[in-house]
Amino acid sequence: MKESLKSNPAEGVSVAVVLDTNDEGEPQHYVYLINERNDHLNGCLVSSRGYGKHPDSEEMVQTSTLRHFLDEVQPHSFRKIEPIMKDLFGLNNEYWVSFWIGNTMFDKKFIFLPETIQESNEVLVPVLKKKGVFIK
């Protein structure tokens, strides 16, 4: 039983922050889960939180932990996880992704370090085909 719950590091899965447009047509940064694998990712759970020193006051801050469930992510596709406010770019932004392929669980933690989400760090994000900050 314990062996079936053992997780494995996820390869071919990444997280990106991309400047896009919201439903009102205004600029908004969004976090995406990218699946570059040939496999369906099933039962994806993404946990997100921000933490670190507040850039202005040097006081330690922590955001609420949010959890998102993505039923399935198709091979070579992406799913939007959540919007992210610019105010949080000065913190560590952590995304812990867990999913199943068949009977095997995979997981990986992605951390955008403070001030790394900026235009000078943008690249063309695979599969999504938009410019953004990308962690593999």
Protein backbone atom coordinates (compact mmCIF):
# COMPACT_ATOMS: atom_id res chain seq x y z
CA MET A 1 0.00 0.00 0.00
CA LYS A 2 2.72 2.50 0.95
CA GLU A 3 4.58 1.73 -2.28
CA SER A 4 1.57 2.88 -4.35
CA LEU A 5 1.62 6.28 -2.56
CA LYS A 6 5.32 6.89 -3.15
CA SER A 7 5.71 9.91 -5.43
CA ASN A 8 8.24 10.39 -8.20
CA PRO A 9 9.81 13.58 -9.53
CA ALA A 10 7.86 15.01 -12.46
CA GLU A 11 9.68 15.40 -15.75
CA GLY A 12 8.23 17.24 -18.74
CA VAL A 13 5.94 19.36 -16.59
CA SER A 14 6.53 23.05 -15.90
CA VAL A 15 4.94 26.23 -14.58
CA ALA A 16 4.94 29.62 -16.31
CA VAL A 17 3.78 33.15 -15.45
CA VAL A 18 2.47 34.94 -18.53
CA LEU A 19 1.05 38.42 -19.05
CA ASP A 20 -2.34 37.91 -20.69
CA THR A 21 -5.71 39.67 -20.75
CA ASN A 22 -8.51 39.10 -18.26
CA ASP A 23 -12.23 38.87 -19.08
CA GLU A 24 -12.51 42.68 -18.97
CA GLY A 25 -9.74 43.04 -21.58
CA GLU A 26 -7.22 44.39 -19.06
CA PRO A 27 -3.63 43.13 -18.66
CA GLN A 28 -3.34 40.38 -16.04
CA HIS A 29 -0.58 37.91 -15.17
CA TYR A 30 -1.64 34.27 -15.00
CA VAL A 31 0.09 31.11 -13.83
CA TYR A 32 -0.08 28.12 -16.19
CA LEU A 33 0.70 24.44 -15.84
CA ILE A 34 2.44 23.14 -18.98
CA ASN A 35 2.42 19.45 -19.94
CA GLU A 36 5.15 18.61 -22.46
CA ARG A 37 4.72 14.87 -21.87
CA ASN A 38 3.05 12.32 -24.14
CA ASP A 39 0.90 11.28 -21.17
CA HIS A 40 -2.38 12.57 -19.75
CA LEU A 41 -1.87 14.07 -16.28
CA ASN A 42 -4.78 12.92 -14.13
CA GLY A 43 -6.00 14.24 -10.79
CA CYS A 44 -3.65 17.25 -10.79
CA LEU A 45 -3.48 19.10 -7.51
CA VAL A 46 -1.65 22.45 -7.51
CA SER A 47 -0.93 24.12 -4.19
CA SER A 48 0.24 27.75 -4.35
CA ARG A 49 1.57 30.18 -1.76
CA GLY A 50 3.76 33.24 -1.48
CA TYR A 51 6.24 33.95 1.31
CA GLY A 52 9.27 36.07 2.17
CA LYS A 53 10.23 39.58 3.24
CA HIS A 54 7.93 42.40 2.21
CA PRO A 55 9.99 44.58 -0.17
CA ASP A 56 9.06 47.84 1.59
CA SER A 57 9.06 46.93 5.28
CA GLU A 58 11.40 43.90 5.44
CA GLU A 59 8.67 42.25 7.53
CA MET A 60 8.15 38.51 6.91
CA VAL A 61 4.85 37.89 5.13
CA GLN A 62 3.00 34.83 3.91
CA THR A 63 -0.04 34.59 1.64
CA SER A 64 -2.85 32.13 2.06
CA THR A 65 -2.26 28.70 0.57
CA LEU A 66 -4.55 28.08 -2.38
CA ARG A 67 -5.30 24.65 -3.80
CA HIS A 68 -6.49 24.02 -7.35
CA PHE A 69 -7.73 20.74 -8.77
CA LEU A 70 -7.32 20.11 -12.49
CA ASP A 71 -9.11 16.91 -13.43
CA GLU A 72 -6.93 16.22 -16.47
CA VAL A 73 -4.22 17.91 -18.51
CA GLN A 74 -3.96 16.55 -22.04
CA PRO A 75 -0.56 15.65 -23.56
CA HIS A 76 1.30 18.66 -25.01
CA SER A 77 -1.18 21.15 -23.60
CA PHE A 78 -1.56 23.68 -20.79
CA ARG A 79 -4.07 24.71 -18.15
CA LYS A 80 -4.51 28.08 -16.44
CA ILE A 81 -4.00 27.73 -12.68
CA GLU A 82 -4.66 31.20 -11.27
CA PRO A 83 -4.12 34.93 -11.71
CA ILE A 84 -1.16 36.43 -9.85
CA MET A 85 -0.93 40.06 -8.73
CA LYS A 86 2.20 42.12 -9.43
CA ASP A 87 2.37 42.92 -5.69
CA LEU A 88 3.45 39.31 -5.10
CA PHE A 89 6.42 39.36 -7.50
CA GLY A 90 8.71 40.48 -4.63
CA LEU A 91 7.99 37.25 -2.71
CA ASN A 92 8.89 33.62 -3.28
CA ASN A 93 5.94 32.19 -5.22
CA GLU A 94 5.71 28.43 -4.76
CA TYR A 95 3.64 26.00 -6.82
CA TRP A 96 3.60 22.37 -5.73
CA VAL A 97 2.18 20.16 -8.48
CA SER A 98 1.06 16.54 -7.93
CA PHE A 99 -0.59 14.29 -10.51
CA TRP A 100 -1.16 10.68 -11.54
CA ILE A 101 -0.10 8.84 -14.67
CA GLY A 102 -1.70 5.42 -14.49
CA ASN A 103 -1.10 4.10 -10.97
CA THR A 104 1.98 6.23 -10.33
CA MET A 105 1.95 9.57 -8.52
CA PHE A 106 4.37 12.31 -9.56
CA ASP A 107 5.11 15.63 -7.89
CA LYS A 108 7.37 18.63 -8.20
CA LYS A 109 7.79 21.98 -6.46
CA PHE A 110 8.36 25.11 -8.56
CA ILE A 111 9.51 28.34 -6.88
CA PHE A 112 9.68 31.72 -8.58
CA LEU A 113 12.25 33.60 -6.50
CA PRO A 114 11.66 37.26 -5.57
CA GLU A 115 11.85 39.67 -8.51
CA THR A 116 12.38 36.88 -11.12
CA ILE A 117 8.94 37.45 -12.64
CA GLN A 118 9.89 40.34 -14.90
CA GLU A 119 10.02 41.08 -18.60
CA SER A 120 13.82 40.68 -18.83
CA ASN A 121 13.46 36.99 -17.82
CA GLU A 122 10.72 36.16 -20.31
CA VAL A 123 11.19 33.40 -22.89
CA LEU A 124 8.84 31.73 -25.36
CA VAL A 125 6.96 29.18 -23.24
CA PRO A 126 6.75 25.77 -24.95
CA VAL A 127 3.26 24.49 -25.82
CA LEU A 128 1.64 27.78 -24.67
CA LYS A 129 3.58 29.68 -27.37
CA LYS A 130 3.50 32.96 -25.45
CA LYS A 131 6.28 34.91 -23.76
CA GLY A 132 6.55 34.43 -20.02
CA VAL A 133 8.76 33.45 -17.09
CA PHE A 134 9.11 29.69 -17.16
CA ILE A 135 10.37 27.09 -14.64
CA LYS A 136 11.04 23.58 -15.84
